[in-house]
Amino acid sequence: MESREEKWIGFGMTEQLTITPLFRRDVLLEQRISLLERLAECANEIKQIDEQLKVI
């Protein structure tokens, strides 16, 4: 049986099982955010090119 301290710190068996999927989820969310930022940068570059093409 786990002590209160083990549960609080996250070293108990049941706590450790839930930490890993949550960490994995955080990693995936970080990757998703990074990709969305890159996509926004590309969209801005495309917009600038489109504006330059209108002038030509």
PDB file of N, CA and C in Angstrom:
ATOM      1  N   MET A   1       0.841  -1.184   0.000  1.00  0.00           N
ATOM      2  CA  MET A   1       0.000   0.000   0.000  1.00  0.00           C
ATOM      3  C   MET A   1       0.891   1.254   0.000  1.00  0.00           C
ATOM      4  N   GLU A   2       0.485   2.249  -0.753  1.00  0.00           N
ATOM      5  CA  GLU A   2       1.276   3.468  -0.891  1.00  0.00           C
ATOM      6  C   GLU A   2       1.020   4.421   0.266  1.00  0.00           C
ATOM      7  N   SER A   3       2.066   5.103   0.649  1.00  0.00           N
ATOM      8  CA  SER A   3       1.907   6.124   1.680  1.00  0.00           C
ATOM      9  C   SER A   3       1.420   7.411   1.029  1.00  0.00           C
ATOM     10  N   ARG A   4       0.986   8.344   1.838  1.00  0.00           N
ATOM     11  CA  ARG A   4       0.548   9.636   1.313  1.00  0.00           C
ATOM     12  C   ARG A   4       1.681  10.337   0.569  1.00  0.00           C
ATOM     13  N   GLU A   5       2.880  10.234   1.109  1.00  0.00           N
ATOM     14  CA  GLU A   5       4.025  10.891   0.486  1.00  0.00           C
ATOM     15  C   GLU A   5       4.286  10.339  -0.913  1.00  0.00           C
ATOM     16  N   GLU A   6       4.176   9.014  -1.057  1.00  0.00           N
ATOM     17  CA  GLU A   6       4.404   8.411  -2.371  1.00  0.00           C
ATOM     18  C   GLU A   6       3.369   8.919  -3.371  1.00  0.00           C
ATOM     19  N   LYS A   7       2.137   8.991  -2.974  1.00  0.00           N
ATOM     20  CA  LYS A   7       1.090   9.469  -3.878  1.00  0.00           C
ATOM     21  C   LYS A   7       1.326  10.933  -4.238  1.00  0.00           C
ATOM     22  N   TRP A   8       1.704  11.725  -3.269  1.00  0.00           N
ATOM     23  CA  TRP A   8       1.905  13.151  -3.506  1.00  0.00           C
ATOM     24  C   TRP A   8       3.069  13.401  -4.457  1.00  0.00           C
ATOM     25  N   ILE A   9       4.165  12.691  -4.254  1.00  0.00           N
ATOM     26  CA  ILE A   9       5.360  12.892  -5.072  1.00  0.00           C
ATOM     27  C   ILE A   9       5.192  12.248  -6.446  1.00  0.00           C
ATOM     28  N   GLY A  10       4.335  11.253  -6.559  1.00  0.00           N
ATOM     29  CA  GLY A  10       4.129  10.591  -7.836  1.00  0.00           C
ATOM     30  C   GLY A  10       5.002   9.377  -8.023  1.00  0.00           C
ATOM     31  N   PHE A  11       5.555   8.818  -6.933  1.00  0.00           N
ATOM     32  CA  PHE A  11       6.404   7.649  -7.047  1.00  0.00           C
ATOM     33  C   PHE A  11       5.658   6.352  -6.804  1.00  0.00           C
ATOM     34  N   GLY A  12       4.400   6.413  -6.430  1.00  0.00           N
ATOM     35  CA  GLY A  12       3.624   5.191  -6.230  1.00  0.00           C
ATOM     36  C   GLY A  12       3.352   4.510  -7.550  1.00  0.00           C
ATOM     37  N   MET A  13       3.082   3.236  -7.523  1.00  0.00           N
ATOM     38  CA  MET A  13       2.870   2.473  -8.761  1.00  0.00           C
ATOM     39  C   MET A  13       1.724   3.030  -9.588  1.00  0.00           C
ATOM     40  N   THR A  14       0.578   3.290  -8.984  1.00  0.00           N
ATOM     41  CA  THR A  14      -0.558   3.781  -9.765  1.00  0.00           C
ATOM     42  C   THR A  14      -0.289   5.179 -10.299  1.00  0.00           C
ATOM     43  N   GLU A  15       0.389   6.002  -9.537  1.00  0.00           N
ATOM     44  CA  GLU A  15       0.687   7.354  -9.996  1.00  0.00           C
ATOM     45  C   GLU A  15       1.631   7.325 -11.190  1.00  0.00           C
ATOM     46  N   GLN A  16       2.623   6.448 -11.148  1.00  0.00           N
ATOM     47  CA  GLN A  16       3.611   6.390 -12.217  1.00  0.00           C
ATOM     48  C   GLN A  16       2.969   5.944 -13.528  1.00  0.00           C
ATOM     49  N   LEU A  17       1.983   5.094 -13.459  1.00  0.00           N
ATOM     50  CA  LEU A  17       1.309   4.633 -14.666  1.00  0.00           C
ATOM     51  C   LEU A  17       0.550   5.767 -15.345  1.00  0.00           C
ATOM     52  N   THR A  18       0.020   6.706 -14.568  1.00  0.00           N
ATOM     53  CA  THR A  18      -0.712   7.822 -15.172  1.00  0.00           C
ATOM     54  C   THR A  18       0.216   8.935 -15.613  1.00  0.00           C
ATOM     55  N   ILE A  19       1.401   9.048 -15.024  1.00  0.00           N
ATOM     56  CA  ILE A  19       2.330  10.115 -15.411  1.00  0.00           C
ATOM     57  C   ILE A  19       2.841   9.905 -16.835  1.00  0.00           C
ATOM     58  N   THR A  20       3.172   8.688 -17.214  1.00  0.00           N
ATOM     59  CA  THR A  20       3.739   8.418 -18.531  1.00  0.00           C
ATOM     60  C   THR A  20       2.798   8.816 -19.668  1.00  0.00           C
ATOM     61  N   PRO A  21       1.524   8.385 -19.668  1.00  0.00           N
ATOM     62  CA  PRO A  21       0.637   8.829 -20.748  1.00  0.00           C
ATOM     63  C   PRO A  21       0.440  10.342 -20.753  1.00  0.00           C
ATOM     64  N   LEU A  22       0.392  10.956 -19.578  1.00  0.00           N
ATOM     65  CA  LEU A  22       0.233  12.407 -19.540  1.00  0.00           C
ATOM     66  C   LEU A  22       1.459  13.097 -20.108  1.00  0.00           C
ATOM     67  N   PHE A  23       2.648  12.580 -19.797  1.00  0.00           N
ATOM     68  CA  PHE A  23       3.872  13.151 -20.352  1.00  0.00           C
ATOM     69  C   PHE A  23       3.875  12.984 -21.868  1.00  0.00           C
ATOM     70  N   ARG A  24       3.492  11.815 -22.338  1.00  0.00           N
ATOM     71  CA  ARG A  24       3.422  11.556 -23.784  1.00  0.00           C
ATOM     72  C   ARG A  24       2.460  12.525 -24.443  1.00  0.00           C
ATOM     73  N   ARG A  25       1.329  12.772 -23.787  1.00  0.00           N
ATOM     74  CA  ARG A  25       0.328  13.699 -24.324  1.00  0.00           C
ATOM     75  C   ARG A  25       0.914  15.110 -24.407  1.00  0.00           C
ATOM     76  N   ASP A  26       1.646  15.519 -23.362  1.00  0.00           N
ATOM     77  CA  ASP A  26       2.269  16.840 -23.378  1.00  0.00           C
ATOM     78  C   ASP A  26       3.268  16.968 -24.513  1.00  0.00           C
ATOM     79  N   VAL A  27       4.041  15.919 -24.749  1.00  0.00           N
ATOM     80  CA  VAL A  27       5.022  15.930 -25.839  1.00  0.00           C
ATOM     81  C   VAL A  27       4.311  16.074 -27.178  1.00  0.00           C
ATOM     82  N   LEU A  28       3.229  15.334 -27.363  1.00  0.00           N
ATOM     83  CA  LEU A  28       2.479  15.418 -28.617  1.00  0.00           C
ATOM     84  C   LEU A  28       1.852  16.799 -28.794  1.00  0.00           C
ATOM     85  N   LEU A  29       1.346  17.379 -27.721  1.00  0.00           N
ATOM     86  CA  LEU A  29       0.774  18.722 -27.813  1.00  0.00           C
ATOM     87  C   LEU A  29       1.838  19.754 -28.162  1.00  0.00           C
ATOM     88  N   GLU A  30       3.032  19.609 -27.597  1.00  0.00           N
ATOM     89  CA  GLU A  30       4.138  20.504 -27.936  1.00  0.00           C
ATOM     90  C   GLU A  30       4.492  20.395 -29.418  1.00  0.00           C
ATOM     91  N   GLN A  31       4.541  19.167 -29.924  1.00  0.00           N
ATOM     92  CA  GLN A  31       4.847  18.954 -31.345  1.00  0.00           C
ATOM     93  C   GLN A  31       3.760  19.576 -32.216  1.00  0.00           C
ATOM     94  N   ARG A  32       2.522  19.422 -31.802  1.00  0.00           N
ATOM     95  CA  ARG A  32       1.389  19.983 -32.557  1.00  0.00           C
ATOM     96  C   ARG A  32       1.484  21.503 -32.609  1.00  0.00           C
ATOM     97  N   ILE A  33       1.769  22.116 -31.471  1.00  0.00           N
ATOM     98  CA  ILE A  33       1.902  23.574 -31.417  1.00  0.00           C
ATOM     99  C   ILE A  33       3.042  24.041 -32.309  1.00  0.00           C
ATOM    100  N   SER A  34       4.152  23.332 -32.267  1.00  0.00           N
ATOM    101  CA  SER A  34       5.299  23.683 -33.092  1.00  0.00           C
ATOM    102  C   SER A  34       4.948  23.628 -34.579  1.00  0.00           C
ATOM    103  N   LEU A  35       4.243  22.583 -34.962  1.00  0.00           N
ATOM    104  CA  LEU A  35       3.841  22.460 -36.366  1.00  0.00           C
ATOM    105  C   LEU A  35       2.861  23.560 -36.772  1.00  0.00           C
ATOM    106  N   LEU A  36       1.944  23.913 -35.889  1.00  0.00           N
ATOM    107  CA  LEU A  36       0.999  24.989 -36.197  1.00  0.00           C
ATOM    108  C   LEU A  36       1.713  26.328 -36.345  1.00  0.00           C
ATOM    109  N   GLU A  37       2.737  26.560 -35.522  1.00  0.00           N
ATOM    110  CA  GLU A  37       3.518  27.785 -35.655  1.00  0.00           C
ATOM    111  C   GLU A  37       4.242  27.834 -36.985  1.00  0.00           C
ATOM    112  N   ARG A  38       4.829  26.708 -37.377  1.00  0.00           N
ATOM    113  CA  ARG A  38       5.516  26.645 -38.675  1.00  0.00           C
ATOM    114  C   ARG A  38       4.531  26.846 -39.815  1.00  0.00           C
ATOM    115  N   LEU A  39       3.332  26.269 -39.681  1.00  0.00           N
ATOM    116  CA  LEU A  39       2.298  26.430 -40.701  1.00  0.00           C
ATOM    117  C   LEU A  39       1.887  27.898 -40.830  1.00  0.00           C
ATOM    118  N   ALA A  40       1.768  28.588 -39.701  1.00  0.00           N
ATOM    119  CA  ALA A  40       1.418  30.009 -39.731  1.00  0.00           C
ATOM    120  C   ALA A  40       2.502  30.820 -40.426  1.00  0.00           C
ATOM    121  N   GLU A  41       3.766  30.483 -40.162  1.00  0.00           N
ATOM    122  CA  GLU A  41       4.864  31.169 -40.839  1.00  0.00           C
ATOM    123  C   GLU A  41       4.799  30.952 -42.348  1.00  0.00           C
ATOM    124  N   CYS A  42       4.520  29.738 -42.757  1.00  0.00           N
ATOM    125  CA  CYS A  42       4.412  29.442 -44.191  1.00  0.00           C
ATOM    126  C   CYS A  42       3.237  30.200 -44.801  1.00  0.00           C
ATOM    127  N   ALA A  43       2.132  30.255 -44.085  1.00  0.00           N
ATOM    128  CA  ALA A  43       0.957  30.975 -44.591  1.00  0.00           C
ATOM    129  C   ALA A  43       1.278  32.458 -44.776  1.00  0.00           C
ATOM    130  N   ASN A  44       2.028  33.034 -43.853  1.00  0.00           N
ATOM    131  CA  ASN A  44       2.417  34.448 -43.979  1.00  0.00           C
ATOM    132  C   ASN A  44       3.328  34.659 -45.180  1.00  0.00           C
ATOM    133  N   GLU A  45       4.261  33.740 -45.400  1.00  0.00           N
ATOM    134  CA  GLU A  45       5.139  33.851 -46.560  1.00  0.00           C
ATOM    135  C   GLU A  45       4.344  33.737 -47.855  1.00  0.00           C
ATOM    136  N   ILE A  46       3.400  32.834 -47.902  1.00  0.00           N
ATOM    137  CA  ILE A  46       2.560  32.675 -49.098  1.00  0.00           C
ATOM    138  C   ILE A  46       1.755  33.948 -49.342  1.00  0.00           C
ATOM    139  N   LYS A  47       1.233  34.528 -48.279  1.00  0.00           N
ATOM    140  CA  LYS A  47       0.463  35.770 -48.401  1.00  0.00           C
ATOM    141  C   LYS A  47       1.332  36.886 -48.964  1.00  0.00           C
ATOM    142  N   GLN A  48       2.567  36.999 -48.482  1.00  0.00           N
ATOM    143  CA  GLN A  48       3.480  38.020 -48.986  1.00  0.00           C
ATOM    144  C   GLN A  48       3.786  37.807 -50.463  1.00  0.00           C
ATOM    145  N   ILE A  49       3.994  36.563 -50.856  1.00  0.00           N
ATOM    146  CA  ILE A  49       4.267  36.255 -52.259  1.00  0.00           C
ATOM    147  C   ILE A  49       3.057  36.604 -53.124  1.00  0.00           C
ATOM    148  N   ASP A  50       1.864  36.259 -52.640  1.00  0.00           N
ATOM    149  CA  ASP A  50       0.646  36.580 -53.388  1.00  0.00           C
ATOM    150  C   ASP A  50       0.504  38.088 -53.575  1.00  0.00           C
ATOM    151  N   GLU A  51       0.829  38.862 -52.552  1.00  0.00           N
ATOM    152  CA  GLU A  51       0.742  40.317 -52.661  1.00  0.00           C
ATOM    153  C   GLU A  51       1.761  40.844 -53.666  1.00  0.00           C
ATOM    154  N   GLN A  52       2.950  40.262 -53.677  1.00  0.00           N
ATOM    155  CA  GLN A  52       3.965  40.674 -54.642  1.00  0.00           C
ATOM    156  C   GLN A  52       3.543  40.301 -56.069  1.00  0.00           C
ATOM    157  N   LEU A  53       2.889  39.162 -56.228  1.00  0.00           N
ATOM    158  CA  LEU A  53       2.427  38.756 -57.556  1.00  0.00           C
ATOM    159  C   LEU A  53       1.345  39.682 -58.079  1.00  0.00           C
ATOM    160  N   LYS A  54       0.536  40.241 -57.211  1.00  0.00           N
ATOM    161  CA  LYS A  54      -0.507  41.183 -57.643  1.00  0.00           C
ATOM    162  C   LYS A  54       0.111  42.429 -58.245  1.00  0.00           C
ATOM    163  N   VAL A  55       1.270  42.844 -57.724  1.00  0.00           N
ATOM    164  CA  VAL A  55       1.939  44.065 -58.179  1.00  0.00           C
ATOM    165  C   VAL A  55       2.552  43.869 -59.561  1.00  0.00           C
ATOM    166  N   ILE A  56       2.977  42.656 -59.838  1.00  0.00           N
ATOM    167  CA  ILE A  56       3.689  42.373 -61.091  1.00  0.00           C
ATOM    168  C   ILE A  56       2.711  42.350 -62.253  1.00  0.00           C
TER     169      ILE A  56
END
